[in-house]
C-alpha atoms as a PDB file:
ATOM      1  CA  MET A   1     -51.325  37.737  46.724  1.00  0.00           C
ATOM      2  CA  ARG A   2     -53.180  34.399  46.889  1.00  0.00           C
ATOM      3  CA  ALA A   3     -51.576  33.281  43.638  1.00  0.00           C
ATOM      4  CA  ILE A   4     -48.109  33.906  45.067  1.00  0.00           C
ATOM      5  CA  ALA A   5     -48.927  31.967  48.245  1.00  0.00           C
ATOM      6  CA  PHE A   6     -50.375  29.091  46.195  1.00  0.00           C
ATOM      7  CA  LEU A   7     -47.320  29.006  43.915  1.00  0.00           C
ATOM      8  CA  TYR A   8     -45.008  28.968  46.955  1.00  0.00           C
ATOM      9  CA  MET A   9     -46.935  26.027  48.452  1.00  0.00           C
ATOM     10  CA  LEU A  10     -46.644  24.097  45.196  1.00  0.00           C
ATOM     11  CA  LEU A  11     -42.918  24.715  44.876  1.00  0.00           C
ATOM     12  CA  THR A  12     -42.108  23.767  48.458  1.00  0.00           C
ATOM     13  CA  SER A  13     -44.299  20.659  48.466  1.00  0.00           C
ATOM     14  CA  ALA A  14     -42.914  19.439  45.129  1.00  0.00           C
ATOM     15  CA  HIS A  15     -39.431  19.230  46.615  1.00  0.00           C
ATOM     16  CA  ALA A  16     -40.416  18.260  50.148  1.00  0.00           C
ATOM     17  CA  GLN A  17     -39.931  14.564  49.440  1.00  0.00           C
ATOM     18  CA  ASP A  18     -36.299  13.661  48.849  1.00  0.00           C
ATOM     19  CA  TRP A  19     -36.152  10.332  47.012  1.00  0.00           C
ATOM     20  CA  THR A  20     -32.420  10.536  46.399  1.00  0.00           C
ATOM     21  CA  LYS A  21     -31.760   7.977  49.141  1.00  0.00           C
ATOM     22  CA  ILE A  22     -33.120   4.476  49.561  1.00  0.00           C
ATOM     23  CA  SER A  23     -32.844   4.416  53.331  1.00  0.00           C
ATOM     24  CA  ALA A  24     -33.914   0.816  53.912  1.00  0.00           C
ATOM     25  CA  CYS A  25     -33.588  -2.374  51.925  1.00  0.00           C
ATOM     26  CA  GLY A  26     -36.954  -3.636  50.815  1.00  0.00           C
ATOM     27  CA  GLU A  27     -39.756  -3.615  48.305  1.00  0.00           C
ATOM     28  CA  TYR A  28     -40.789  -0.271  46.874  1.00  0.00           C
ATOM     29  CA  GLN A  29     -43.543   0.899  44.568  1.00  0.00           C
ATOM     30  CA  VAL A  30     -41.843   2.912  41.817  1.00  0.00           C
ATOM     31  CA  ARG A  31     -44.017   5.176  39.657  1.00  0.00           C
ATOM     32  CA  GLY A  32     -42.287   6.641  36.615  1.00  0.00           C
ATOM     33  CA  VAL A  33     -41.540   6.216  32.930  1.00  0.00           C
ATOM     34  CA  ALA A  34     -39.517   3.468  31.235  1.00  0.00           C
ATOM     35  CA  ARG A  35     -36.710   4.968  29.132  1.00  0.00           C
ATOM     36  CA  SER A  36     -33.781   3.751  27.061  1.00  0.00           C
ATOM     37  CA  ILE A  37     -30.569   5.377  28.303  1.00  0.00           C
ATOM     38  CA  LYS A  38     -27.121   4.362  27.058  1.00  0.00           C
ATOM     39  CA  ASN A  39     -28.416   1.118  25.500  1.00  0.00           C
ATOM     40  CA  SER A  40     -30.166  -0.072  28.650  1.00  0.00           C
ATOM     41  CA  LEU A  41     -33.721   0.228  29.906  1.00  0.00           C
ATOM     42  CA  VAL A  42     -34.283   2.143  33.146  1.00  0.00           C
ATOM     43  CA  ILE A  43     -37.134   3.632  35.159  1.00  0.00           C
ATOM     44  CA  VAL A  44     -37.036   7.420  35.434  1.00  0.00           C
ATOM     45  CA  VAL A  45     -38.857   8.914  38.419  1.00  0.00           C
ATOM     46  CA  ASN A  46     -39.682  12.642  38.614  1.00  0.00           C
ATOM     47  CA  GLU A  47     -38.374  13.092  35.091  1.00  0.00           C
ATOM     48  CA  LYS A  48     -36.862  16.471  34.155  1.00  0.00           C
ATOM     49  CA  SER A  49     -37.002  17.798  37.706  1.00  0.00           C
ATOM     50  CA  ARG A  50     -34.374  18.514  40.333  1.00  0.00           C
ATOM     51  CA  SER A  51     -35.420  15.344  42.150  1.00  0.00           C
ATOM     52  CA  GLU A  52     -35.068  13.027  39.125  1.00  0.00           C
ATOM     53  CA  ILE A  53     -34.084   9.454  40.010  1.00  0.00           C
ATOM     54  CA  ILE A  54     -32.876   6.792  37.580  1.00  0.00           C
ATOM     55  CA  VAL A  55     -33.573   3.223  38.671  1.00  0.00           C
ATOM     56  CA  LYS A  56     -31.243   0.799  36.908  1.00  0.00           C
ATOM     57  CA  VAL A  57     -32.280  -2.838  36.665  1.00  0.00           C
ATOM     58  CA  PRO A  58     -30.349  -6.016  35.858  1.00  0.00           C
ATOM     59  CA  VAL A  59     -30.185  -6.897  32.151  1.00  0.00           C
ATOM     60  CA  ARG A  60     -32.437  -9.911  32.717  1.00  0.00           C
ATOM     61  CA  ASN A  61     -35.124  -7.546  34.133  1.00  0.00           C
ATOM     62  CA  GLU A  62     -35.080  -5.227  31.110  1.00  0.00           C
ATOM     63  CA  ALA A  63     -37.593  -7.522  29.386  1.00  0.00           C
ATOM     64  CA  TYR A  64     -40.177  -6.394  31.974  1.00  0.00           C
ATOM     65  CA  LEU A  65     -39.687  -2.762  30.917  1.00  0.00           C
ATOM     66  CA  ALA A  66     -39.636  -3.267  27.122  1.00  0.00           C
ATOM     67  CA  PRO A  67     -43.446  -3.147  26.628  1.00  0.00           C
ATOM     68  CA  TYR A  68     -43.575   0.107  28.618  1.00  0.00           C
ATOM     69  CA  LEU A  69     -40.791   1.986  26.795  1.00  0.00           C
ATOM     70  CA  ASP A  70     -41.561   5.734  26.822  1.00  0.00           C
ATOM     71  CA  LYS A  71     -44.838   5.073  28.652  1.00  0.00           C
ATOM     72  CA  PRO A  72     -45.981   5.759  32.218  1.00  0.00           C
ATOM     73  CA  MET A  73     -45.651   2.660  34.362  1.00  0.00           C
ATOM     74  CA  GLU A  74     -45.621   1.404  37.927  1.00  0.00           C
ATOM     75  CA  ALA A  75     -43.305  -1.315  39.191  1.00  0.00           C
ATOM     76  CA  LEU A  76     -42.729  -3.284  42.349  1.00  0.00           C
ATOM     77  CA  VAL A  77     -38.951  -3.123  42.787  1.00  0.00           C
ATOM     78  CA  LEU A  78     -36.664  -4.831  45.296  1.00  0.00           C
ATOM     79  CA  PHE A  79     -33.750  -2.712  46.514  1.00  0.00           C
ATOM     80  CA  ALA A  80     -31.318  -5.093  48.238  1.00  0.00           C
ATOM     81  CA  LYS A  81     -28.683  -2.443  49.014  1.00  0.00           C
ATOM     82  CA  LYS A  82     -28.929   0.994  50.567  1.00  0.00           C
ATOM     83  CA  ALA A  83     -28.175   3.667  48.009  1.00  0.00           C
ATOM     84  CA  ALA A  84     -27.534   7.381  47.863  1.00  0.00           C
ATOM     85  CA  GLY A  85     -27.535   9.601  44.823  1.00  0.00           C
ATOM     86  CA  ALA A  86     -29.604  10.035  41.695  1.00  0.00           C
ATOM     87  CA  GLU A  87     -29.019   6.480  40.399  1.00  0.00           C
ATOM     88  CA  VAL A  88     -30.117   3.360  42.269  1.00  0.00           C
ATOM     89  CA  ASN A  89     -30.152  -0.336  41.390  1.00  0.00           C
ATOM     90  CA  GLY A  90     -33.140  -2.605  41.887  1.00  0.00           C
ATOM     91  CA  LYS A  91     -34.696  -5.872  40.758  1.00  0.00           C
ATOM     92  CA  ILE A  92     -38.163  -5.748  39.215  1.00  0.00           C
ATOM     93  CA  LYS A  93     -40.778  -8.083  40.643  1.00  0.00           C
ATOM     94  CA  GLU A  94     -43.854  -6.782  38.795  1.00  0.00           C
ATOM     95  CA  VAL A  95     -44.717  -4.063  36.241  1.00  0.00           C
ATOM     96  CA  LYS A  96     -48.040  -2.606  35.182  1.00  0.00           C
ATOM     97  CA  PRO A  97     -49.226   0.439  33.229  1.00  0.00           C
ATOM     98  CA  ARG A  98     -50.105   3.652  35.049  1.00  0.00           C
ATOM     99  CA  LEU A  99     -52.427   6.488  34.123  1.00  0.00           C
ATOM    100  CA  PRO A 100     -50.654   9.788  34.763  1.00  0.00           C
ATOM    101  CA  ASN A 101     -52.562  12.473  36.645  1.00  0.00           C
ATOM    102  CA  PRO A 102     -52.872  15.504  34.321  1.00  0.00           C
ATOM    103  CA  ILE A 103     -53.615  17.775  37.282  1.00  0.00           C
ATOM    104  CA  ASN A 104     -50.500  16.645  39.148  1.00  0.00           C
ATOM    105  CA  PRO A 105     -47.546  16.130  36.787  1.00  0.00           C
ATOM    106  CA  MET A 106     -45.416  15.103  39.793  1.00  0.00           C
ATOM    107  CA  ASP A 107     -47.523  11.983  40.459  1.00  0.00           C
ATOM    108  CA  THR A 108     -44.418   9.836  40.190  1.00  0.00           C
ATOM    109  CA  GLY A 109     -42.303   8.695  43.109  1.00  0.00           C
ATOM    110  CA  ILE A 110     -40.969   5.875  45.208  1.00  0.00           C
ATOM    111  CA  LYS A 111     -43.015   4.465  48.080  1.00  0.00           C
ATOM    112  CA  PHE A 112     -41.727   2.021  50.694  1.00  0.00           C
ATOM    113  CA  ILE A 113     -43.820  -1.194  50.869  1.00  0.00           C
ATOM    114  CA  SER A 114     -41.966  -3.717  53.056  1.00  0.00           C
ATOM    115  CA  LYS A 115     -38.524  -4.271  54.540  1.00  0.00           C
ATOM    116  CA  VAL A 116     -36.111  -7.078  53.577  1.00  0.00           C
ATOM    117  CA  ALA A 117     -32.603  -7.947  54.710  1.00  0.00           C
ATOM    118  CA  CYS A 118     -29.803  -6.100  52.928  1.00  0.00           C
ATOM    119  CA  GLU A 119     -27.164  -7.954  50.912  1.00  0.00           C
END
């Protein structure tokens, strides 16, 4: 009985945060994995889950992601336009490596840092 209750808590909390909308323009901390998709480098957040987000970056920002290809990373990203859906566009300001949490495979996500004016 406890195992069922624990499993239910995990399933509901894993999908409690809906990162499919960037509700405010600003700087965000993006924790995910750098991937090559359709000949461009992107950040994939919550990979292979129902809440997967693909953060596209300008071509000139792809150089920031190249050293982190197929590796866990954390980036400070500027979203200058509100977005909805599973793909968003942002400009990278800073990238650094991240150690994934083996106990919590859903340790990726998008966290609001500060607000900026929208384009």
